[in-house]
C-alpha cells in the first residue's frame, strides 16, 4: 500500500523555512564581518541594531550594554514597535543576568518577569546575557508581538546574534587595552614618548591650520636621585606614580601629559597662549609641594619641580623645535637653582 506523501502546502512551508534560514545565515555572516571591523563600541551598537531589524522583523528588541562603572546596564540599540523602556537598570533586575543563562518568559503574567520589562508585559520575551571571556558585557532582549510567540528558531537566532555582538565588544576591548598598553607608561599611567611624538606633530599642525596658540612645558622632579638614594627605588617609583596622578588630575581633557624619560615629563597644551602656559606651569610648581607620598611606614614630602616653557608661534613651528627650546629652558631652571619656571627663547 502506498504511503501518503507530503502535501504541496507542506512542501511550500518547508521551502519557505529553508529560504528563511538561508537568509538569516547570510545576515549573520554579514553582521559578523562588519562587527569585526568596528573601531568603537558605538559602531558595534549601530550595526547590531541595523541587522537586528532584519533578523527579527516581526519582533521588538533592545540591547543593553554594561556601563563603564560596571553597575548599570544602559540601552544602546532598539528596534521594533514594542520596546521595553529606555531606562537603565542594575544586574539584579534581569533574571538572565542573575542566573547567568537565557531567560524565556512564555506567559506575560508570569511572576518571573524581569524588572526592566514594561509592566504588564505585552507578550512573551527572551533575555539573552551577552557574555565574553566569562564576563557580562550586556543583554539582548527580544519580545514578541501581543498574542504571538517566539519560535524556538527565533530564540536560537537571538542567542547566536548575542554571541556575535558580545564577541565583537570583547575583541574591541582587547584591542583598546593593547593600544593603551603600547602608548601608556606603566608606572605613571601617563602617555609615553612614542605617543608624544605621534600626537605633538598632529596637534601642532592643527594649531597652525587654525592659527591658534600652542603651549609646551617640560618639567623635571628636582633632586630625584637623592630620593632614590635615601629611600630606595620602591619609594622613587611611588613618587613618580604620585606625580603622574597629580598631573592627570590637573590636565584639561584636550591636554596631553607624557612621561618623557626618567623623571622628566612633557605637557602639551593645545590653544594655550604663552602667558597661560607660564601661569599653569607656575601653578603646578606651587601645588606639587603639597604632595606627600606614603610608602609603607615612610612618608616623603618636600617635592619641587623645575619647568621650561615653549610656545607656538613665538618660539618654534616644529615639534622638535618646541621640545628643544623647552628642554633648554628646563636646563636653565635647574642651573639657576631649581624650583622655578623659565621661559624659552627662540633659536636663531
C-alpha atoms as a PDB file:
ATOM      1  CA  UNK A   1       0.000   0.000   0.000  1.00  0.00           C
ATOM      2  CA  UNK A   2       1.445   3.419  -0.969  1.00  0.00           C
ATOM      3  CA  UNK A   3       2.253   5.733   1.900  1.00  0.00           C
ATOM      4  CA  UNK A   4       0.764   9.183   1.676  1.00  0.00           C
ATOM      5  CA  UNK A   5       3.366  11.785   0.668  1.00  0.00           C
ATOM      6  CA  UNK A   6       3.786  15.394   1.688  1.00  0.00           C
ATOM      7  CA  UNK A   7       1.161  17.825   0.535  1.00  0.00           C
ATOM      8  CA  UNK A   8       2.013  20.799  -1.652  1.00  0.00           C
ATOM      9  CA  UNK A   9       1.279  23.029   1.343  1.00  0.00           C
ATOM     10  CA  UNK A  10       3.830  21.148   3.470  1.00  0.00           C
ATOM     11  CA  UNK A  11       6.446  21.410   0.732  1.00  0.00           C
ATOM     12  CA  UNK A  12       5.886  25.121   0.308  1.00  0.00           C
ATOM     13  CA  UNK A  13       6.180  25.612   4.062  1.00  0.00           C
ATOM     14  CA  UNK A  14       9.420  23.622   4.177  1.00  0.00           C
ATOM     15  CA  UNK A  15      10.893  25.562   1.261  1.00  0.00           C
ATOM     16  CA  UNK A  16       9.897  28.848   2.882  1.00  0.00           C
ATOM     17  CA  UNK A  17      11.565  27.806   6.134  1.00  0.00           C
ATOM     18  CA  UNK A  18      14.751  26.805   4.306  1.00  0.00           C
ATOM     19  CA  UNK A  19      14.816  30.114   2.455  1.00  0.00           C
ATOM     20  CA  UNK A  20      14.345  31.961   5.752  1.00  0.00           C
ATOM     21  CA  UNK A  21      17.179  30.004   7.382  1.00  0.00           C
ATOM     22  CA  UNK A  22      19.471  30.783   4.449  1.00  0.00           C
ATOM     23  CA  UNK A  23      18.539  34.469   4.662  1.00  0.00           C
ATOM     24  CA  UNK A  24      19.302  34.529   8.399  1.00  0.00           C
ATOM     25  CA  UNK A  25      22.634  32.743   7.927  1.00  0.00           C
ATOM     26  CA  UNK A  26      23.600  35.254   5.264  1.00  0.00           C
ATOM     27  CA  UNK A  27      22.678  38.175   7.508  1.00  0.00           C
ATOM     28  CA  UNK A  28      24.622  36.710  10.424  1.00  0.00           C
ATOM     29  CA  UNK A  29      27.704  36.346   8.236  1.00  0.00           C
ATOM     30  CA  UNK A  30      27.415  39.927   7.017  1.00  0.00           C
ATOM     31  CA  UNK A  31      26.923  41.204  10.566  1.00  0.00           C
ATOM     32  CA  UNK A  32      29.903  39.219  11.864  1.00  0.00           C
ATOM     33  CA  UNK A  33      32.157  40.587   9.125  1.00  0.00           C
ATOM     34  CA  UNK A  34      31.142  44.179   9.820  1.00  0.00           C
ATOM     35  CA  UNK A  35      31.352  43.797  13.604  1.00  0.00           C
ATOM     36  CA  UNK A  36      34.956  42.628  13.390  1.00  0.00           C
ATOM     37  CA  UNK A  37      35.851  45.810  11.525  1.00  0.00           C
ATOM     38  CA  UNK A  38      34.382  48.143  14.158  1.00  0.00           C
ATOM     39  CA  UNK A  39      36.703  50.618  15.859  1.00  0.00           C
ATOM     40  CA  UNK A  40      34.299  51.840  18.550  1.00  0.00           C
ATOM     41  CA  UNK A  41      31.514  50.417  20.699  1.00  0.00           C
ATOM     42  CA  UNK A  42      29.116  52.905  19.086  1.00  0.00           C
ATOM     43  CA  UNK A  43      29.810  51.329  15.693  1.00  0.00           C
ATOM     44  CA  UNK A  44      29.098  47.886  17.172  1.00  0.00           C
ATOM     45  CA  UNK A  45      25.737  49.038  18.540  1.00  0.00           C
ATOM     46  CA  UNK A  46      24.735  50.724  15.267  1.00  0.00           C
ATOM     47  CA  UNK A  47      25.497  47.618  13.206  1.00  0.00           C
ATOM     48  CA  UNK A  48      23.789  45.347  15.745  1.00  0.00           C
ATOM     49  CA  UNK A  49      20.611  47.441  15.608  1.00  0.00           C
ATOM     50  CA  UNK A  50      20.604  47.558  11.803  1.00  0.00           C
ATOM     51  CA  UNK A  51      20.891  43.774  11.426  1.00  0.00           C
ATOM     52  CA  UNK A  52      18.518  43.054  14.328  1.00  0.00           C
ATOM     53  CA  UNK A  53      15.767  44.817  12.388  1.00  0.00           C
ATOM     54  CA  UNK A  54      16.373  42.414   9.503  1.00  0.00           C
ATOM     55  CA  UNK A  55      16.831  39.277  11.611  1.00  0.00           C
ATOM     56  CA  UNK A  56      13.774  39.959  13.775  1.00  0.00           C
ATOM     57  CA  UNK A  57      11.361  41.954  11.576  1.00  0.00           C
ATOM     58  CA  UNK A  58       8.256  40.745  13.434  1.00  0.00           C
ATOM     59  CA  UNK A  59       9.691  41.244  16.933  1.00  0.00           C
ATOM     60  CA  UNK A  60      10.839  44.181  19.029  1.00  0.00           C
ATOM     61  CA  UNK A  61      14.066  44.339  20.949  1.00  0.00           C
ATOM     62  CA  UNK A  62      16.597  46.271  22.947  1.00  0.00           C
ATOM     63  CA  UNK A  63      20.306  45.839  23.538  1.00  0.00           C
ATOM     64  CA  UNK A  64      21.645  46.997  26.888  1.00  0.00           C
ATOM     65  CA  UNK A  65      25.371  47.423  27.459  1.00  0.00           C
ATOM     66  CA  UNK A  66      27.159  47.288  30.784  1.00  0.00           C
ATOM     67  CA  UNK A  67      28.273  50.772  31.799  1.00  0.00           C
ATOM     68  CA  UNK A  68      31.894  51.716  32.377  1.00  0.00           C
ATOM     69  CA  UNK A  69      31.208  51.691  36.123  1.00  0.00           C
ATOM     70  CA  UNK A  70      30.130  48.024  35.823  1.00  0.00           C
ATOM     71  CA  UNK A  71      26.968  48.549  37.852  1.00  0.00           C
ATOM     72  CA  UNK A  72      24.288  49.604  35.345  1.00  0.00           C
ATOM     73  CA  UNK A  73      23.029  48.327  32.018  1.00  0.00           C
ATOM     74  CA  UNK A  74      22.208  51.155  29.641  1.00  0.00           C
ATOM     75  CA  UNK A  75      20.079  50.934  26.460  1.00  0.00           C
ATOM     76  CA  UNK A  76      22.227  51.336  23.355  1.00  0.00           C
ATOM     77  CA  UNK A  77      20.063  49.984  20.500  1.00  0.00           C
ATOM     78  CA  UNK A  78      16.351  49.486  19.763  1.00  0.00           C
ATOM     79  CA  UNK A  79      14.172  48.083  17.019  1.00  0.00           C
ATOM     80  CA  UNK A  80      10.526  47.243  16.506  1.00  0.00           C
ATOM     81  CA  UNK A  81       7.305  48.681  17.902  1.00  0.00           C
ATOM     82  CA  UNK A  82       7.110  47.374  21.448  1.00  0.00           C
ATOM     83  CA  UNK A  83      10.314  48.436  23.172  1.00  0.00           C
ATOM     84  CA  UNK A  84      10.718  47.645  26.847  1.00  0.00           C
ATOM     85  CA  UNK A  85      11.609  51.087  28.079  1.00  0.00           C
ATOM     86  CA  UNK A  86      14.677  53.269  27.883  1.00  0.00           C
ATOM     87  CA  UNK A  87      15.761  53.360  31.499  1.00  0.00           C
ATOM     88  CA  UNK A  88      18.982  51.843  32.761  1.00  0.00           C
ATOM     89  CA  UNK A  89      18.788  49.010  35.263  1.00  0.00           C
ATOM     90  CA  UNK A  90      21.007  47.014  37.595  1.00  0.00           C
ATOM     91  CA  UNK A  91      22.083  43.409  37.093  1.00  0.00           C
ATOM     92  CA  UNK A  92      19.666  42.201  39.750  1.00  0.00           C
ATOM     93  CA  UNK A  93      16.699  43.438  37.702  1.00  0.00           C
ATOM     94  CA  UNK A  94      17.271  40.871  34.938  1.00  0.00           C
ATOM     95  CA  UNK A  95      16.746  37.156  35.578  1.00  0.00           C
ATOM     96  CA  UNK A  96      19.103  36.249  32.740  1.00  0.00           C
ATOM     97  CA  UNK A  97      21.959  38.051  34.495  1.00  0.00           C
ATOM     98  CA  UNK A  98      21.011  36.663  37.901  1.00  0.00           C
ATOM     99  CA  UNK A  99      21.017  33.103  36.591  1.00  0.00           C
ATOM    100  CA  UNK A 100      23.790  33.503  34.045  1.00  0.00           C
ATOM    101  CA  UNK A 101      21.725  31.910  31.257  1.00  0.00           C
ATOM    102  CA  UNK A 102      18.957  32.626  28.761  1.00  0.00           C
ATOM    103  CA  UNK A 103      15.670  33.559  30.449  1.00  0.00           C
ATOM    104  CA  UNK A 104      12.486  32.908  28.452  1.00  0.00           C
ATOM    105  CA  UNK A 105       9.079  34.062  29.658  1.00  0.00           C
ATOM    106  CA  UNK A 106       6.202  32.444  27.779  1.00  0.00           C
ATOM    107  CA  UNK A 107       3.389  33.867  29.914  1.00  0.00           C
ATOM    108  CA  UNK A 108       3.446  37.690  30.179  1.00  0.00           C
ATOM    109  CA  UNK A 109       1.640  37.337  33.515  1.00  0.00           C
ATOM    110  CA  UNK A 110       4.404  35.182  34.965  1.00  0.00           C
ATOM    111  CA  UNK A 111       5.879  36.063  38.348  1.00  0.00           C
ATOM    112  CA  UNK A 112       9.337  35.678  36.835  1.00  0.00           C
ATOM    113  CA  UNK A 113       9.190  38.820  34.733  1.00  0.00           C
ATOM    114  CA  UNK A 114      12.406  40.824  34.684  1.00  0.00           C
ATOM    115  CA  UNK A 115      12.007  44.143  36.490  1.00  0.00           C
ATOM    116  CA  UNK A 116      13.360  46.048  33.477  1.00  0.00           C
ATOM    117  CA  UNK A 117      10.477  44.789  31.301  1.00  0.00           C
ATOM    118  CA  UNK A 118       7.433  47.048  30.904  1.00  0.00           C
ATOM    119  CA  UNK A 119       4.651  46.151  33.295  1.00  0.00           C
ATOM    120  CA  UNK A 120       2.448  44.490  32.303  1.00  0.00           C
ATOM    121  CA  UNK A 121       4.415  42.834  29.501  1.00  0.00           C
ATOM    122  CA  UNK A 122       2.708  42.866  26.103  1.00  0.00           C
ATOM    123  CA  UNK A 123       3.921  39.437  25.002  1.00  0.00           C
ATOM    124  CA  UNK A 124       6.357  36.669  25.716  1.00  0.00           C
ATOM    125  CA  UNK A 125      10.038  37.520  25.587  1.00  0.00           C
ATOM    126  CA  UNK A 126      13.590  36.257  25.911  1.00  0.00           C
ATOM    127  CA  UNK A 127      16.594  37.860  27.616  1.00  0.00           C
ATOM    128  CA  UNK A 128      19.987  36.640  26.438  1.00  0.00           C
ATOM    129  CA  UNK A 129      23.026  37.545  28.554  1.00  0.00           C
ATOM    130  CA  UNK A 130      25.852  38.772  26.337  1.00  0.00           C
ATOM    131  CA  UNK A 131      28.970  37.107  27.737  1.00  0.00           C
ATOM    132  CA  UNK A 132      32.573  37.343  26.568  1.00  0.00           C
ATOM    133  CA  UNK A 133      35.534  35.654  28.228  1.00  0.00           C
ATOM    134  CA  UNK A 134      33.344  34.815  31.221  1.00  0.00           C
ATOM    135  CA  UNK A 135      32.265  38.415  31.808  1.00  0.00           C
ATOM    136  CA  UNK A 136      28.937  40.136  31.221  1.00  0.00           C
ATOM    137  CA  UNK A 137      29.052  42.874  28.575  1.00  0.00           C
ATOM    138  CA  UNK A 138      25.306  43.349  28.097  1.00  0.00           C
ATOM    139  CA  UNK A 139      21.866  41.854  27.481  1.00  0.00           C
ATOM    140  CA  UNK A 140      19.862  41.264  24.312  1.00  0.00           C
ATOM    141  CA  UNK A 141      16.102  41.405  24.892  1.00  0.00           C
ATOM    142  CA  UNK A 142      13.689  40.103  22.243  1.00  0.00           C
ATOM    143  CA  UNK A 143       9.939  40.474  22.624  1.00  0.00           C
ATOM    144  CA  UNK A 144       7.095  39.005  20.573  1.00  0.00           C
ATOM    145  CA  UNK A 145       4.076  40.967  19.438  1.00  0.00           C
ATOM    146  CA  UNK A 146       0.906  40.717  21.553  1.00  0.00           C
ATOM    147  CA  UNK A 147      -0.810  37.322  21.219  1.00  0.00           C
ATOM    148  CA  UNK A 148       2.227  35.922  19.374  1.00  0.00           C
ATOM    149  CA  UNK A 149       5.071  33.662  20.469  1.00  0.00           C
ATOM    150  CA  UNK A 150       8.795  33.453  19.904  1.00  0.00           C
ATOM    151  CA  UNK A 151       9.559  30.290  17.989  1.00  0.00           C
ATOM    152  CA  UNK A 152      12.463  28.081  19.013  1.00  0.00           C
ATOM    153  CA  UNK A 153      14.309  29.090  15.844  1.00  0.00           C
ATOM    154  CA  UNK A 154      13.941  32.778  16.744  1.00  0.00           C
ATOM    155  CA  UNK A 155      15.228  32.074  20.237  1.00  0.00           C
ATOM    156  CA  UNK A 156      18.284  30.264  18.835  1.00  0.00           C
ATOM    157  CA  UNK A 157      18.822  33.129  16.414  1.00  0.00           C
ATOM    158  CA  UNK A 158      18.744  35.617  19.302  1.00  0.00           C
ATOM    159  CA  UNK A 159      21.366  33.589  21.171  1.00  0.00           C
ATOM    160  CA  UNK A 160      23.629  33.472  18.093  1.00  0.00           C
ATOM    161  CA  UNK A 161      23.264  37.210  17.466  1.00  0.00           C
ATOM    162  CA  UNK A 162      24.007  37.995  21.128  1.00  0.00           C
ATOM    163  CA  UNK A 163      27.149  35.848  20.979  1.00  0.00           C
ATOM    164  CA  UNK A 164      28.411  37.698  17.905  1.00  0.00           C
ATOM    165  CA  UNK A 165      27.755  41.124  19.417  1.00  0.00           C
ATOM    166  CA  UNK A 166      29.395  40.156  22.723  1.00  0.00           C
ATOM    167  CA  UNK A 167      32.454  38.770  20.948  1.00  0.00           C
ATOM    168  CA  UNK A 168      32.813  41.950  18.900  1.00  0.00           C
ATOM    169  CA  UNK A 169      32.706  44.070  22.077  1.00  0.00           C
ATOM    170  CA  UNK A 170      35.240  41.798  23.770  1.00  0.00           C
ATOM    171  CA  UNK A 171      37.607  41.957  20.783  1.00  0.00           C
ATOM    172  CA  UNK A 172      37.266  45.730  20.719  1.00  0.00           C
ATOM    173  CA  UNK A 173      38.138  45.995  24.410  1.00  0.00           C
ATOM    174  CA  UNK A 174      41.198  43.774  23.948  1.00  0.00           C
ATOM    175  CA  UNK A 175      42.437  45.898  21.044  1.00  0.00           C
ATOM    176  CA  UNK A 176      41.864  49.083  23.006  1.00  0.00           C
ATOM    177  CA  UNK A 177      43.651  47.660  26.049  1.00  0.00           C
ATOM    178  CA  UNK A 178      46.639  46.602  23.939  1.00  0.00           C
ATOM    179  CA  UNK A 179      46.790  50.041  22.353  1.00  0.00           C
ATOM    180  CA  UNK A 180      46.675  51.695  25.755  1.00  0.00           C
ATOM    181  CA  UNK A 181      49.485  49.451  26.967  1.00  0.00           C
ATOM    182  CA  UNK A 182      51.540  50.388  23.923  1.00  0.00           C
ATOM    183  CA  UNK A 183      51.002  54.111  24.452  1.00  0.00           C
ATOM    184  CA  UNK A 184      50.987  54.418  28.254  1.00  0.00           C
ATOM    185  CA  UNK A 185      53.840  54.448  30.716  1.00  0.00           C
ATOM    186  CA  UNK A 186      53.022  51.618  33.175  1.00  0.00           C
ATOM    187  CA  UNK A 187      54.452  53.397  36.230  1.00  0.00           C
ATOM    188  CA  UNK A 188      52.748  56.789  35.919  1.00  0.00           C
ATOM    189  CA  UNK A 189      49.788  55.854  33.645  1.00  0.00           C
ATOM    190  CA  UNK A 190      50.699  58.893  31.531  1.00  0.00           C
ATOM    191  CA  UNK A 191      51.281  58.670  27.799  1.00  0.00           C
ATOM    192  CA  UNK A 192      54.759  57.571  26.761  1.00  0.00           C
ATOM    193  CA  UNK A 193      57.318  59.196  24.482  1.00  0.00           C
ATOM    194  CA  UNK A 194      56.038  57.306  21.457  1.00  0.00           C
ATOM    195  CA  UNK A 195      52.578  58.794  21.885  1.00  0.00           C
ATOM    196  CA  UNK A 196      54.075  62.250  22.399  1.00  0.00           C
ATOM    197  CA  UNK A 197      55.876  62.014  19.074  1.00  0.00           C
ATOM    198  CA  UNK A 198      52.689  60.851  17.328  1.00  0.00           C
ATOM    199  CA  UNK A 199      50.390  63.468  18.829  1.00  0.00           C
ATOM    200  CA  UNK A 200      52.624  66.554  19.056  1.00  0.00           C
ATOM    201  CA  UNK A 201      53.040  66.885  15.306  1.00  0.00           C
ATOM    202  CA  UNK A 202      49.317  66.344  14.712  1.00  0.00           C
ATOM    203  CA  UNK A 203      48.280  68.915  17.319  1.00  0.00           C
ATOM    204  CA  UNK A 204      50.834  71.432  16.101  1.00  0.00           C
ATOM    205  CA  UNK A 205      49.591  71.132  12.511  1.00  0.00           C
ATOM    206  CA  UNK A 206      46.069  71.727  13.747  1.00  0.00           C
ATOM    207  CA  UNK A 207      47.199  74.822  15.650  1.00  0.00           C
ATOM    208  CA  UNK A 208      48.972  76.185  12.559  1.00  0.00           C
ATOM    209  CA  UNK A 209      45.959  75.492  10.331  1.00  0.00           C
ATOM    210  CA  UNK A 210      43.563  77.231  12.718  1.00  0.00           C
ATOM    211  CA  UNK A 211      46.108  79.924  13.621  1.00  0.00           C
ATOM    212  CA  UNK A 212      45.762  79.139  17.301  1.00  0.00           C
ATOM    213  CA  UNK A 213      48.438  79.308  20.042  1.00  0.00           C
ATOM    214  CA  UNK A 214      50.042  76.201  21.431  1.00  0.00           C
ATOM    215  CA  UNK A 215      51.974  75.671  24.657  1.00  0.00           C
ATOM    216  CA  UNK A 216      54.539  73.056  25.693  1.00  0.00           C
ATOM    217  CA  UNK A 217      56.198  72.638  29.051  1.00  0.00           C
ATOM    218  CA  UNK A 218      58.942  70.250  30.064  1.00  0.00           C
ATOM    219  CA  UNK A 219      59.297  69.566  33.764  1.00  0.00           C
ATOM    220  CA  UNK A 220      61.744  67.672  35.919  1.00  0.00           C
ATOM    221  CA  UNK A 221      61.450  66.440  39.501  1.00  0.00           C
ATOM    222  CA  UNK A 222      64.209  68.140  41.491  1.00  0.00           C
ATOM    223  CA  UNK A 223      66.753  66.005  43.391  1.00  0.00           C
ATOM    224  CA  UNK A 224      65.064  62.772  42.342  1.00  0.00           C
ATOM    225  CA  UNK A 225      68.332  60.824  42.548  1.00  0.00           C
ATOM    226  CA  UNK A 226      68.611  61.928  46.157  1.00  0.00           C
ATOM    227  CA  UNK A 227      65.178  60.469  46.937  1.00  0.00           C
ATOM    228  CA  UNK A 228      66.187  57.183  45.331  1.00  0.00           C
ATOM    229  CA  UNK A 229      69.482  57.051  47.222  1.00  0.00           C
ATOM    230  CA  UNK A 230      67.911  57.937  50.563  1.00  0.00           C
ATOM    231  CA  UNK A 231      64.675  55.945  50.468  1.00  0.00           C
ATOM    232  CA  UNK A 232      65.287  53.298  47.790  1.00  0.00           C
ATOM    233  CA  UNK A 233      63.880  52.690  44.329  1.00  0.00           C
ATOM    234  CA  UNK A 234      60.419  51.472  45.500  1.00  0.00           C
ATOM    235  CA  UNK A 235      59.857  54.862  47.113  1.00  0.00           C
ATOM    236  CA  UNK A 236      61.207  56.550  43.987  1.00  0.00           C
ATOM    237  CA  UNK A 237      58.665  54.635  41.903  1.00  0.00           C
ATOM    238  CA  UNK A 238      55.906  55.649  44.321  1.00  0.00           C
ATOM    239  CA  UNK A 239      56.929  59.296  43.924  1.00  0.00           C
ATOM    240  CA  UNK A 240      56.792  59.073  40.133  1.00  0.00           C
ATOM    241  CA  UNK A 241      53.403  57.364  40.321  1.00  0.00           C
ATOM    242  CA  UNK A 242      52.076  60.098  42.607  1.00  0.00           C
ATOM    243  CA  UNK A 243      53.411  62.773  40.258  1.00  0.00           C
ATOM    244  CA  UNK A 244      51.696  61.076  37.314  1.00  0.00           C
ATOM    245  CA  UNK A 245      48.383  61.099  39.180  1.00  0.00           C
ATOM    246  CA  UNK A 246      48.968  64.726  40.203  1.00  0.00           C
ATOM    247  CA  UNK A 247      49.472  65.780  36.575  1.00  0.00           C
ATOM    248  CA  UNK A 248      46.494  63.827  35.258  1.00  0.00           C
ATOM    249  CA  UNK A 249      44.140  65.466  37.735  1.00  0.00           C
ATOM    250  CA  UNK A 250      45.270  68.929  36.644  1.00  0.00           C
ATOM    251  CA  UNK A 251      45.028  68.468  32.893  1.00  0.00           C
ATOM    252  CA  UNK A 252      42.172  69.615  30.688  1.00  0.00           C
ATOM    253  CA  UNK A 253      40.515  66.980  28.508  1.00  0.00           C
ATOM    254  CA  UNK A 254      42.399  68.263  25.443  1.00  0.00           C
ATOM    255  CA  UNK A 255      45.812  68.410  27.160  1.00  0.00           C
ATOM    256  CA  UNK A 256      48.402  65.663  26.765  1.00  0.00           C
ATOM    257  CA  UNK A 257      50.656  64.612  29.653  1.00  0.00           C
ATOM    258  CA  UNK A 258      53.592  62.327  28.858  1.00  0.00           C
ATOM    259  CA  UNK A 259      56.478  60.763  30.709  1.00  0.00           C
ATOM    260  CA  UNK A 260      59.405  61.798  28.550  1.00  0.00           C
ATOM    261  CA  UNK A 261      62.007  59.706  30.308  1.00  0.00           C
ATOM    262  CA  UNK A 262      63.284  59.124  33.836  1.00  0.00           C
ATOM    263  CA  UNK A 263      61.890  61.916  35.984  1.00  0.00           C
ATOM    264  CA  UNK A 264      61.215  64.235  33.028  1.00  0.00           C
ATOM    265  CA  UNK A 265      57.687  64.924  31.790  1.00  0.00           C
ATOM    266  CA  UNK A 266      56.221  66.887  28.884  1.00  0.00           C
ATOM    267  CA  UNK A 267      52.826  68.590  28.908  1.00  0.00           C
ATOM    268  CA  UNK A 268      51.199  69.660  25.650  1.00  0.00           C
ATOM    269  CA  UNK A 269      48.560  72.411  25.935  1.00  0.00           C
ATOM    270  CA  UNK A 270      46.586  72.958  22.708  1.00  0.00           C
ATOM    271  CA  UNK A 271      45.283  76.515  22.211  1.00  0.00           C
ATOM    272  CA  UNK A 272      47.092  77.771  25.323  1.00  0.00           C
ATOM    273  CA  UNK A 273      48.938  81.071  24.692  1.00  0.00           C
ATOM    274  CA  UNK A 274      52.382  81.631  26.171  1.00  0.00           C
ATOM    275  CA  UNK A 275      51.187  83.619  29.189  1.00  0.00           C
ATOM    276  CA  UNK A 276      48.600  80.955  30.101  1.00  0.00           C
ATOM    277  CA  UNK A 277      51.192  78.179  29.728  1.00  0.00           C
ATOM    278  CA  UNK A 278      53.530  80.052  32.071  1.00  0.00           C
ATOM    279  CA  UNK A 279      50.730  80.575  34.619  1.00  0.00           C
ATOM    280  CA  UNK A 280      49.805  76.902  34.568  1.00  0.00           C
ATOM    281  CA  UNK A 281      53.455  75.892  34.891  1.00  0.00           C
ATOM    282  CA  UNK A 282      53.864  78.069  37.958  1.00  0.00           C
ATOM    283  CA  UNK A 283      50.634  76.709  39.441  1.00  0.00           C
ATOM    284  CA  UNK A 284      51.967  73.161  39.060  1.00  0.00           C
ATOM    285  CA  UNK A 285      55.254  74.246  40.659  1.00  0.00           C
ATOM    286  CA  UNK A 286      53.424  75.526  43.716  1.00  0.00           C
ATOM    287  CA  UNK A 287      50.866  72.723  44.012  1.00  0.00           C
ATOM    288  CA  UNK A 288      53.386  69.872  43.772  1.00  0.00           C
ATOM    289  CA  UNK A 289      54.834  70.946  47.131  1.00  0.00           C
ATOM    290  CA  UNK A 290      51.633  69.747  48.791  1.00  0.00           C
ATOM    291  CA  UNK A 291      52.175  66.141  47.704  1.00  0.00           C
ATOM    292  CA  UNK A 292      53.028  63.660  50.447  1.00  0.00           C
ATOM    293  CA  UNK A 293      53.888  60.157  49.274  1.00  0.00           C
ATOM    294  CA  UNK A 294      53.145  57.247  51.594  1.00  0.00           C
ATOM    295  CA  UNK A 295      55.081  54.041  51.038  1.00  0.00           C
ATOM    296  CA  UNK A 296      54.839  51.504  53.823  1.00  0.00           C
ATOM    297  CA  UNK A 297      55.874  53.270  57.004  1.00  0.00           C
ATOM    298  CA  UNK A 298      57.642  56.045  55.109  1.00  0.00           C
ATOM    299  CA  UNK A 299      56.203  59.481  54.361  1.00  0.00           C
ATOM    300  CA  UNK A 300      58.019  61.552  51.754  1.00  0.00           C
ATOM    301  CA  UNK A 301      57.267  65.201  51.045  1.00  0.00           C
ATOM    302  CA  UNK A 302      59.061  68.347  50.004  1.00  0.00           C
ATOM    303  CA  UNK A 303      58.854  67.680  46.257  1.00  0.00           C
ATOM    304  CA  UNK A 304      59.729  70.517  43.888  1.00  0.00           C
ATOM    305  CA  UNK A 305      59.686  70.937  40.122  1.00  0.00           C
ATOM    306  CA  UNK A 306      61.774  72.803  37.590  1.00  0.00           C
ATOM    307  CA  UNK A 307      59.917  73.733  34.414  1.00  0.00           C
ATOM    308  CA  UNK A 308      60.823  75.017  30.967  1.00  0.00           C
ATOM    309  CA  UNK A 309      58.165  76.583  28.736  1.00  0.00           C
ATOM    310  CA  UNK A 310      57.976  76.996  24.965  1.00  0.00           C
ATOM    311  CA  UNK A 311      55.121  78.188  22.764  1.00  0.00           C
ATOM    312  CA  UNK A 312      53.943  78.311  19.180  1.00  0.00           C
ATOM    313  CA  UNK A 313      54.251  80.607  17.284  1.00  0.00           C
ATOM    314  CA  UNK A 314      56.634  82.637  19.464  1.00  0.00           C
ATOM    315  CA  UNK A 315      59.497  80.148  19.770  1.00  0.00           C
ATOM    316  CA  UNK A 316      59.275  77.491  17.055  1.00  0.00           C
ATOM    317  CA  UNK A 317      56.942  75.986  14.449  1.00  0.00           C
ATOM    318  CA  UNK A 318      58.045  72.350  14.616  1.00  0.00           C
ATOM    319  CA  UNK A 319      57.677  69.674  17.313  1.00  0.00           C
ATOM    320  CA  UNK A 320      61.429  69.182  17.525  1.00  0.00           C
ATOM    321  CA  UNK A 321      61.975  72.923  17.836  1.00  0.00           C
ATOM    322  CA  UNK A 322      59.445  73.357  20.629  1.00  0.00           C
ATOM    323  CA  UNK A 323      60.841  70.418  22.596  1.00  0.00           C
ATOM    324  CA  UNK A 324      64.396  71.673  22.116  1.00  0.00           C
ATOM    325  CA  UNK A 325      63.532  75.159  23.402  1.00  0.00           C
ATOM    326  CA  UNK A 326      61.549  73.784  26.358  1.00  0.00           C
ATOM    327  CA  UNK A 327      64.457  71.480  27.184  1.00  0.00           C
ATOM    328  CA  UNK A 328      66.965  74.347  27.131  1.00  0.00           C
ATOM    329  CA  UNK A 329      64.652  76.417  29.349  1.00  0.00           C
ATOM    330  CA  UNK A 330      64.392  73.497  31.772  1.00  0.00           C
ATOM    331  CA  UNK A 331      68.182  73.224  31.866  1.00  0.00           C
ATOM    332  CA  UNK A 332      68.378  76.920  32.774  1.00  0.00           C
ATOM    333  CA  UNK A 333      65.773  76.437  35.524  1.00  0.00           C
ATOM    334  CA  UNK A 334      67.887  73.646  37.008  1.00  0.00           C
ATOM    335  CA  UNK A 335      71.155  75.560  36.735  1.00  0.00           C
ATOM    336  CA  UNK A 336      69.658  78.732  38.247  1.00  0.00           C
ATOM    337  CA  UNK A 337      68.624  76.979  41.466  1.00  0.00           C
ATOM    338  CA  UNK A 338      65.636  74.687  40.625  1.00  0.00           C
ATOM    339  CA  UNK A 339      62.033  75.100  41.821  1.00  0.00           C
ATOM    340  CA  UNK A 340      61.264  77.669  39.152  1.00  0.00           C
ATOM    341  CA  UNK A 341      59.720  78.273  35.729  1.00  0.00           C
ATOM    342  CA  UNK A 342      61.868  79.548  32.865  1.00  0.00           C
ATOM    343  CA  UNK A 343      60.501  80.674  29.504  1.00  0.00           C
ATOM    344  CA  UNK A 344      62.478  79.567  26.462  1.00  0.00           C
ATOM    345  CA  UNK A 345      63.981  81.788  23.809  1.00  0.00           C
ATOM    346  CA  UNK A 346      63.609  81.392  20.065  1.00  0.00           C
ATOM    347  CA  UNK A 347      66.617  79.759  18.451  1.00  0.00           C
ATOM    348  CA  UNK A 348      68.480  81.982  15.989  1.00  0.00           C
END
